[in-house]
Amino acid sequence: MSKQFTSTSKVCANCEFWGGARTFNRIRKCTECESPMTKGKCLNKSSGWANSPGKQADSNCAKWQKWGVLK
């Protein structure tokens, strides 16, 4: 079952620095992952989670920045 996150949700799936598998819908108002537990690497060097491969799509952190493809 896939999980969608609206573009206003400050979760890893919507973060510029999250390296997990995700897509966005045609009108770019939400991100979609296979599951809220989909894992990806944090690519933000200033985050305490930097290079952590186990950040779940529904996680968050203080260094979140909106993914550039989202409106």
PDB file of N, CA and C in Angstrom:
ATOM      1  N   MET A   1       0.851  -1.184   0.000  1.00  0.00           N
ATOM      2  CA  MET A   1       0.000   0.000   0.000  1.00  0.00           C
ATOM      3  C   MET A   1       0.893   1.243   0.000  1.00  0.00           C
ATOM      4  N   SER A   2       0.643   2.165  -0.909  1.00  0.00           N
ATOM      5  CA  SER A   2       1.456   3.367  -0.973  1.00  0.00           C
ATOM      6  C   SER A   2       0.940   4.427   0.001  1.00  0.00           C
ATOM      7  N   LYS A   3       1.800   5.380   0.271  1.00  0.00           N
ATOM      8  CA  LYS A   3       1.460   6.464   1.190  1.00  0.00           C
ATOM      9  C   LYS A   3       1.734   7.782   0.495  1.00  0.00           C
ATOM     10  N   GLN A   4       0.777   8.709   0.572  1.00  0.00           N
ATOM     11  CA  GLN A   4       0.959  10.045   0.016  1.00  0.00           C
ATOM     12  C   GLN A   4       1.118  11.049   1.147  1.00  0.00           C
ATOM     13  N   PHE A   5       1.993  12.021   0.914  1.00  0.00           N
ATOM     14  CA  PHE A   5       2.216  13.108   1.856  1.00  0.00           C
ATOM     15  C   PHE A   5       1.953  14.417   1.117  1.00  0.00           C
ATOM     16  N   THR A   6       1.079  15.268   1.667  1.00  0.00           N
ATOM     17  CA  THR A   6       0.818  16.554   1.024  1.00  0.00           C
ATOM     18  C   THR A   6       2.081  17.404   1.061  1.00  0.00           C
ATOM     19  N   SER A   7       2.198  18.351   0.147  1.00  0.00           N
ATOM     20  CA  SER A   7       3.409  19.160   0.037  1.00  0.00           C
ATOM     21  C   SER A   7       3.662  20.038   1.263  1.00  0.00           C
ATOM     22  N   THR A   8       2.663  20.205   2.117  1.00  0.00           N
ATOM     23  CA  THR A   8       2.839  21.017   3.323  1.00  0.00           C
ATOM     24  C   THR A   8       3.322  20.206   4.523  1.00  0.00           C
ATOM     25  N   SER A   9       3.370  18.877   4.369  1.00  0.00           N
ATOM     26  CA  SER A   9       3.829  18.018   5.463  1.00  0.00           C
ATOM     27  C   SER A   9       5.354  18.079   5.563  1.00  0.00           C
ATOM     28  N   LYS A  10       5.855  18.388   6.733  1.00  0.00           N
ATOM     29  CA  LYS A  10       7.308  18.479   6.940  1.00  0.00           C
ATOM     30  C   LYS A  10       7.858  17.119   7.359  1.00  0.00           C
ATOM     31  N   VAL A  11       7.829  16.194   6.401  1.00  0.00           N
ATOM     32  CA  VAL A  11       8.323  14.837   6.618  1.00  0.00           C
ATOM     33  C   VAL A  11       9.481  14.585   5.659  1.00  0.00           C
ATOM     34  N   CYS A  12      10.281  13.581   5.950  1.00  0.00           N
ATOM     35  CA  CYS A  12      11.450  13.286   5.119  1.00  0.00           C
ATOM     36  C   CYS A  12      11.093  13.067   3.655  1.00  0.00           C
ATOM     37  N   ALA A  13       9.961  12.436   3.374  1.00  0.00           N
ATOM     38  CA  ALA A  13       9.562  12.186   1.990  1.00  0.00           C
ATOM     39  C   ALA A  13       9.434  13.475   1.185  1.00  0.00           C
ATOM     40  N   ASN A  14       9.194  14.593   1.842  1.00  0.00           N
ATOM     41  CA  ASN A  14       9.061  15.891   1.181  1.00  0.00           C
ATOM     42  C   ASN A  14      10.309  16.749   1.312  1.00  0.00           C
ATOM     43  N   CYS A  15      11.390  16.201   1.814  1.00  0.00           N
ATOM     44  CA  CYS A  15      12.602  16.979   2.060  1.00  0.00           C
ATOM     45  C   CYS A  15      13.566  16.902   0.880  1.00  0.00           C
ATOM     46  N   GLU A  16      14.172  18.017   0.568  1.00  0.00           N
ATOM     47  CA  GLU A  16      15.173  18.121  -0.492  1.00  0.00           C
ATOM     48  C   GLU A  16      16.325  17.140  -0.286  1.00  0.00           C
ATOM     49  N   PHE A  17      16.633  16.816   0.952  1.00  0.00           N
ATOM     50  CA  PHE A  17      17.819  16.027   1.281  1.00  0.00           C
ATOM     51  C   PHE A  17      17.560  14.555   1.570  1.00  0.00           C
ATOM     52  N   TRP A  18      16.347  14.087   1.351  1.00  0.00           N
ATOM     53  CA  TRP A  18      16.044  12.681   1.627  1.00  0.00           C
ATOM     54  C   TRP A  18      16.298  11.857   0.379  1.00  0.00           C
ATOM     55  N   GLY A  19      17.039  10.767   0.504  1.00  0.00           N
ATOM     56  CA  GLY A  19      17.431   9.960  -0.638  1.00  0.00           C
ATOM     57  C   GLY A  19      16.628   8.701  -0.849  1.00  0.00           C
ATOM     58  N   GLY A  20      15.441   8.613  -0.292  1.00  0.00           N
ATOM     59  CA  GLY A  20      14.609   7.420  -0.450  1.00  0.00           C
ATOM     60  C   GLY A  20      13.822   7.421  -1.751  1.00  0.00           C
ATOM     61  N   ALA A  21      13.248   6.265  -2.077  1.00  0.00           N
ATOM     62  CA  ALA A  21      12.443   6.122  -3.293  1.00  0.00           C
ATOM     63  C   ALA A  21      11.114   6.841  -3.121  1.00  0.00           C
ATOM     64  N   ARG A  22      10.811   7.746  -4.054  1.00  0.00           N
ATOM     65  CA  ARG A  22       9.575   8.527  -3.990  1.00  0.00           C
ATOM     66  C   ARG A  22       9.245   9.090  -5.366  1.00  0.00           C
ATOM     67  N   THR A  23       7.999   9.464  -5.531  1.00  0.00           N
ATOM     68  CA  THR A  23       7.545  10.134  -6.749  1.00  0.00           C
ATOM     69  C   THR A  23       6.633  11.267  -6.323  1.00  0.00           C
ATOM     70  N   PHE A  24       6.236  12.099  -7.285  1.00  0.00           N
ATOM     71  CA  PHE A  24       5.265  13.155  -6.998  1.00  0.00           C
ATOM     72  C   PHE A  24       4.176  13.084  -8.042  1.00  0.00           C
ATOM     73  N   ASN A  25       2.986  13.569  -7.696  1.00  0.00           N
ATOM     74  CA  ASN A  25       1.882  13.485  -8.646  1.00  0.00           C
ATOM     75  C   ASN A  25       2.002  14.562  -9.715  1.00  0.00           C
ATOM     76  N   ARG A  26       1.155  14.466 -10.730  1.00  0.00           N
ATOM     77  CA  ARG A  26       1.255  15.365 -11.896  1.00  0.00           C
ATOM     78  C   ARG A  26       1.119  16.832 -11.552  1.00  0.00           C
ATOM     79  N   ILE A  27       0.326  17.149 -10.593  1.00  0.00           N
ATOM     80  CA  ILE A  27       0.181  18.561 -10.239  1.00  0.00           C
ATOM     81  C   ILE A  27       1.121  18.955  -9.099  1.00  0.00           C
ATOM     82  N   ARG A  28       1.977  18.029  -8.704  1.00  0.00           N
ATOM     83  CA  ARG A  28       3.053  18.241  -7.724  1.00  0.00           C
ATOM     84  C   ARG A  28       2.562  18.819  -6.399  1.00  0.00           C
ATOM     85  N   LYS A  29       1.461  18.288  -5.942  1.00  0.00           N
ATOM     86  CA  LYS A  29       0.942  18.716  -4.647  1.00  0.00           C
ATOM     87  C   LYS A  29       1.154  17.674  -3.573  1.00  0.00           C
ATOM     88  N   CYS A  30       1.710  16.506  -3.945  1.00  0.00           N
ATOM     89  CA  CYS A  30       2.007  15.499  -2.936  1.00  0.00           C
ATOM     90  C   CYS A  30       3.120  14.562  -3.408  1.00  0.00           C
ATOM     91  N   THR A  31       3.759  13.958  -2.433  1.00  0.00           N
ATOM     92  CA  THR A  31       4.811  12.978  -2.661  1.00  0.00           C
ATOM     93  C   THR A  31       4.232  11.611  -2.349  1.00  0.00           C
ATOM     94  N   GLU A  32       4.654  10.600  -3.095  1.00  0.00           N
ATOM     95  CA  GLU A  32       4.163   9.246  -2.859  1.00  0.00           C
ATOM     96  C   GLU A  32       5.340   8.300  -2.664  1.00  0.00           C
ATOM     97  N   CYS A  33       5.231   7.459  -1.632  1.00  0.00           N
ATOM     98  CA  CYS A  33       6.219   6.428  -1.326  1.00  0.00           C
ATOM     99  C   CYS A  33       5.493   5.093  -1.252  1.00  0.00           C
ATOM    100  N   GLU A  34       6.241   4.020  -1.342  1.00  0.00           N
ATOM    101  CA  GLU A  34       5.646   2.691  -1.248  1.00  0.00           C
ATOM    102  C   GLU A  34       4.964   2.496   0.105  1.00  0.00           C
ATOM    103  N   SER A  35       5.576   3.059   1.162  1.00  0.00           N
ATOM    104  CA  SER A  35       5.074   2.895   2.522  1.00  0.00           C
ATOM    105  C   SER A  35       5.572   4.067   3.368  1.00  0.00           C
ATOM    106  N   PRO A  36       4.890   4.418   4.468  1.00  0.00           N
ATOM    107  CA  PRO A  36       5.422   5.460   5.350  1.00  0.00           C
ATOM    108  C   PRO A  36       6.733   5.023   6.004  1.00  0.00           C
ATOM    109  N   MET A  37       7.010   3.716   5.956  1.00  0.00           N
ATOM    110  CA  MET A  37       8.242   3.202   6.548  1.00  0.00           C
ATOM    111  C   MET A  37       9.358   3.021   5.517  1.00  0.00           C
ATOM    112  N   THR A  38       9.140   3.485   4.279  1.00  0.00           N
ATOM    113  CA  THR A  38      10.195   3.454   3.266  1.00  0.00           C
ATOM    114  C   THR A  38      11.401   4.197   3.827  1.00  0.00           C
ATOM    115  N   LYS A  39      12.575   3.611   3.696  1.00  0.00           N
ATOM    116  CA  LYS A  39      13.780   4.223   4.264  1.00  0.00           C
ATOM    117  C   LYS A  39      14.655   4.840   3.191  1.00  0.00           C
ATOM    118  N   GLY A  40      15.347   5.896   3.583  1.00  0.00           N
ATOM    119  CA  GLY A  40      16.260   6.583   2.685  1.00  0.00           C
ATOM    120  C   GLY A  40      17.378   7.234   3.468  1.00  0.00           C
ATOM    121  N   LYS A  41      18.431   7.595   2.776  1.00  0.00           N
ATOM    122  CA  LYS A  41      19.598   8.217   3.387  1.00  0.00           C
ATOM    123  C   LYS A  41      19.385   9.718   3.520  1.00  0.00           C
ATOM    124  N   CYS A  42      19.756  10.281   4.659  1.00  0.00           N
ATOM    125  CA  CYS A  42      19.710  11.728   4.849  1.00  0.00           C
ATOM    126  C   CYS A  42      20.981  12.319   4.232  1.00  0.00           C
ATOM    127  N   LEU A  43      20.801  13.225   3.273  1.00  0.00           N
ATOM    128  CA  LEU A  43      21.918  13.807   2.545  1.00  0.00           C
ATOM    129  C   LEU A  43      22.246  15.230   2.993  1.00  0.00           C
ATOM    130  N   ASN A  44      21.618  15.678   4.090  1.00  0.00           N
ATOM    131  CA  ASN A  44      21.879  17.025   4.607  1.00  0.00           C
ATOM    132  C   ASN A  44      23.061  16.964   5.570  1.00  0.00           C
ATOM    133  N   LYS A  45      24.181  17.524   5.155  1.00  0.00           N
ATOM    134  CA  LYS A  45      25.406  17.461   5.965  1.00  0.00           C
ATOM    135  C   LYS A  45      25.299  18.201   7.292  1.00  0.00           C
ATOM    136  N   SER A  46      24.344  19.122   7.412  1.00  0.00           N
ATOM    137  CA  SER A  46      24.205  19.864   8.665  1.00  0.00           C
ATOM    138  C   SER A  46      23.196  19.231   9.623  1.00  0.00           C
ATOM    139  N   SER A  47      22.600  18.130   9.210  1.00  0.00           N
ATOM    140  CA  SER A  47      21.625  17.438  10.048  1.00  0.00           C
ATOM    141  C   SER A  47      22.307  16.434  10.965  1.00  0.00           C
ATOM    142  N   GLY A  48      21.736  16.216  12.108  1.00  0.00           N
ATOM    143  CA  GLY A  48      22.235  15.188  13.008  1.00  0.00           C
ATOM    144  C   GLY A  48      22.020  13.790  12.439  1.00  0.00           C
ATOM    145  N   TRP A  49      21.200  13.682  11.411  1.00  0.00           N
ATOM    146  CA  TRP A  49      20.920  12.410  10.746  1.00  0.00           C
ATOM    147  C   TRP A  49      21.776  12.221   9.490  1.00  0.00           C
ATOM    148  N   ALA A  50      22.717  13.116   9.223  1.00  0.00           N
ATOM    149  CA  ALA A  50      23.541  13.072   8.006  1.00  0.00           C
ATOM    150  C   ALA A  50      24.106  11.674   7.771  1.00  0.00           C
ATOM    151  N   ASN A  51      23.926  11.192   6.561  1.00  0.00           N
ATOM    152  CA  ASN A  51      24.389   9.882   6.090  1.00  0.00           C
ATOM    153  C   ASN A  51      23.715   8.704   6.767  1.00  0.00           C
ATOM    154  N   SER A  52      22.723   8.955   7.585  1.00  0.00           N
ATOM    155  CA  SER A  52      21.978   7.859   8.193  1.00  0.00           C
ATOM    156  C   SER A  52      21.111   7.214   7.115  1.00  0.00           C
ATOM    157  N   PRO A  53      21.286   5.912   6.858  1.00  0.00           N
ATOM    158  CA  PRO A  53      20.520   5.266   5.797  1.00  0.00           C
ATOM    159  C   PRO A  53      19.110   4.868   6.209  1.00  0.00           C
ATOM    160  N   GLY A  54      18.774   5.020   7.472  1.00  0.00           N
ATOM    161  CA  GLY A  54      17.510   4.494   7.954  1.00  0.00           C
ATOM    162  C   GLY A  54      16.434   5.504   8.265  1.00  0.00           C
ATOM    163  N   LYS A  55      16.440   6.683   7.645  1.00  0.00           N
ATOM    164  CA  LYS A  55      15.389   7.676   7.899  1.00  0.00           C
ATOM    165  C   LYS A  55      14.120   7.277   7.158  1.00  0.00           C
ATOM    166  N   GLN A  56      13.046   7.072   7.897  1.00  0.00           N
ATOM    167  CA  GLN A  56      11.772   6.684   7.306  1.00  0.00           C
ATOM    168  C   GLN A  56      11.101   7.878   6.630  1.00  0.00           C
ATOM    169  N   ALA A  57      10.289   7.594   5.629  1.00  0.00           N
ATOM    170  CA  ALA A  57       9.586   8.629   4.868  1.00  0.00           C
ATOM    171  C   ALA A  57       8.750   9.539   5.761  1.00  0.00           C
ATOM    172  N   ASP A  58       8.164   8.987   6.815  1.00  0.00           N
ATOM    173  CA  ASP A  58       7.291   9.786   7.678  1.00  0.00           C
ATOM    174  C   ASP A  58       8.018  10.438   8.856  1.00  0.00           C
ATOM    175  N   SER A  59       9.353  10.358   8.878  1.00  0.00           N
ATOM    176  CA  SER A  59      10.152  11.008   9.931  1.00  0.00           C
ATOM    177  C   SER A  59      10.307  12.489   9.633  1.00  0.00           C
ATOM    178  N   ASN A  60      10.858  13.218  10.581  1.00  0.00           N
ATOM    179  CA  ASN A  60      11.140  14.639  10.371  1.00  0.00           C
ATOM    180  C   ASN A  60      12.376  15.043  11.154  1.00  0.00           C
ATOM    181  N   CYS A  61      12.866  16.256  10.898  1.00  0.00           N
ATOM    182  CA  CYS A  61      13.987  16.808  11.654  1.00  0.00           C
ATOM    183  C   CYS A  61      13.975  18.323  11.530  1.00  0.00           C
ATOM    184  N   ALA A  62      14.791  18.992  12.306  1.00  0.00           N
ATOM    185  CA  ALA A  62      14.828  20.454  12.327  1.00  0.00           C
ATOM    186  C   ALA A  62      15.480  21.051  11.080  1.00  0.00           C
ATOM    187  N   LYS A  63      16.168  20.253  10.286  1.00  0.00           N
ATOM    188  CA  LYS A  63      16.874  20.757   9.095  1.00  0.00           C
ATOM    189  C   LYS A  63      16.087  20.544   7.800  1.00  0.00           C
ATOM    190  N   TRP A  64      14.792  20.252   7.916  1.00  0.00           N
ATOM    191  CA  TRP A  64      13.941  19.979   6.766  1.00  0.00           C
ATOM    192  C   TRP A  64      13.904  21.162   5.807  1.00  0.00           C
ATOM    193  N   GLN A  65      13.985  20.862   4.508  1.00  0.00           N
ATOM    194  CA  GLN A  65      13.799  21.870   3.453  1.00  0.00           C
ATOM    195  C   GLN A  65      12.924  21.242   2.374  1.00  0.00           C
ATOM    196  N   LYS A  66      11.930  21.975   1.923  1.00  0.00           N
ATOM    197  CA  LYS A  66      10.969  21.454   0.947  1.00  0.00           C
ATOM    198  C   LYS A  66      11.672  20.993  -0.331  1.00  0.00           C
ATOM    199  N   TRP A  67      11.298  19.803  -0.787  1.00  0.00           N
ATOM    200  CA  TRP A  67      11.818  19.222  -2.025  1.00  0.00           C
ATOM    201  C   TRP A  67      11.510  20.167  -3.172  1.00  0.00           C
ATOM    202  N   GLY A  68      12.495  20.492  -3.968  1.00  0.00           N
ATOM    203  CA  GLY A  68      12.373  21.488  -5.025  1.00  0.00           C
ATOM    204  C   GLY A  68      11.323  21.229  -6.086  1.00  0.00           C
ATOM    205  N   VAL A  69      10.918  19.986  -6.301  1.00  0.00           N
ATOM    206  CA  VAL A  69       9.910  19.686  -7.326  1.00  0.00           C
ATOM    207  C   VAL A  69       8.488  19.935  -6.828  1.00  0.00           C
ATOM    208  N   LEU A  70       8.308  20.138  -5.531  1.00  0.00           N
ATOM    209  CA  LEU A  70       6.984  20.387  -4.970  1.00  0.00           C
ATOM    210  C   LEU A  70       6.643  21.865  -5.026  1.00  0.00           C
ATOM    211  N   LYS A  71       5.370  22.156  -5.216  1.00  0.00           N
ATOM    212  CA  LYS A  71       4.914  23.551  -5.248  1.00  0.00           C
ATOM    213  C   LYS A  71       4.567  23.997  -3.855  1.00  0.00           C
TER     214      LYS A  71
END
